[in-house]
Amino acid sequence: MYLKSTVSIPQCYVWMTEGVPNRGELFKRYVRDYVKIYYPGYELEKISGMQAVIKLKK
């Protein structure tokens, strides 16, 4: 199993956060929760474009 991996971020998060004053914060929260649900045991390390870099939890 890999310690780090890259996964695609759902495109819908772009339009779901459109026009929101704290867009960056909300987008990151959506991505963090997405990782928590679909990749249990991993956590968000960073967002690069529409890719989430995730790492194995210790």
Protein backbone atom coordinates (compact mmCIF):
# COMPACT_ATOMS: atom_id res chain seq x y z
CA MET A 1 0.00 0.00 0.00
CA TYR A 2 1.20 3.50 -0.83
CA LEU A 3 1.92 6.05 1.88
CA LYS A 4 0.93 8.91 -0.45
CA SER A 5 -1.42 9.02 -3.40
CA THR A 6 -3.12 11.52 -5.68
CA VAL A 7 -6.87 11.44 -6.30
CA SER A 8 -9.11 13.57 -8.50
CA ILE A 9 -11.36 16.10 -6.81
CA PRO A 10 -15.02 15.98 -7.92
CA GLN A 11 -15.68 18.75 -10.45
CA CYS A 12 -18.99 19.63 -8.79
CA TYR A 13 -17.10 21.22 -5.87
CA VAL A 14 -16.13 24.09 -8.18
CA TRP A 15 -19.68 25.21 -8.94
CA MET A 16 -20.94 24.31 -5.45
CA THR A 17 -18.58 26.90 -3.95
CA GLU A 18 -19.06 29.55 -6.63
CA GLY A 19 -19.96 32.98 -5.24
CA VAL A 20 -19.33 32.02 -1.61
CA PRO A 21 -17.30 34.63 0.32
CA ASN A 22 -15.02 32.02 1.93
CA ARG A 23 -14.76 29.88 -1.19
CA GLY A 24 -11.23 28.57 -0.64
CA GLU A 25 -11.95 27.49 2.92
CA LEU A 26 -15.23 25.81 1.94
CA PHE A 27 -13.63 24.06 -1.05
CA LYS A 28 -10.86 22.67 1.16
CA ARG A 29 -13.42 21.47 3.72
CA TYR A 30 -15.38 19.67 0.99
CA VAL A 31 -12.22 17.98 -0.27
CA ARG A 32 -11.13 17.02 3.26
CA ASP A 33 -14.54 15.45 3.94
CA TYR A 34 -14.50 13.69 0.55
CA VAL A 35 -11.16 12.09 1.44
CA LYS A 36 -12.46 11.12 4.88
CA ILE A 37 -15.49 9.32 3.39
CA TYR A 38 -14.01 7.70 0.26
CA TYR A 39 -10.44 7.06 1.45
CA PRO A 40 -10.69 6.01 5.09
CA GLY A 41 -7.31 5.75 6.73
CA TYR A 42 -5.96 8.63 4.63
CA GLU A 43 -5.88 12.36 5.26
CA LEU A 44 -5.56 15.38 2.98
CA GLU A 45 -2.00 16.65 2.66
CA LYS A 46 -2.52 19.33 0.01
CA ILE A 47 -4.58 20.36 -3.00
CA SER A 48 -2.81 20.81 -6.32
CA GLY A 49 -5.12 21.99 -9.08
CA MET A 50 -8.02 19.53 -9.14
CA GLN A 51 -5.95 16.79 -7.48
CA ALA A 52 -5.83 15.99 -3.79
CA VAL A 53 -2.58 14.63 -2.42
CA ILE A 54 -3.48 12.26 0.39
CA LYS A 55 -1.28 10.41 2.86
CA LEU A 56 -1.76 7.43 5.08
CA LYS A 57 -2.69 8.36 8.64
CA LYS A 58 -0.19 7.37 11.29
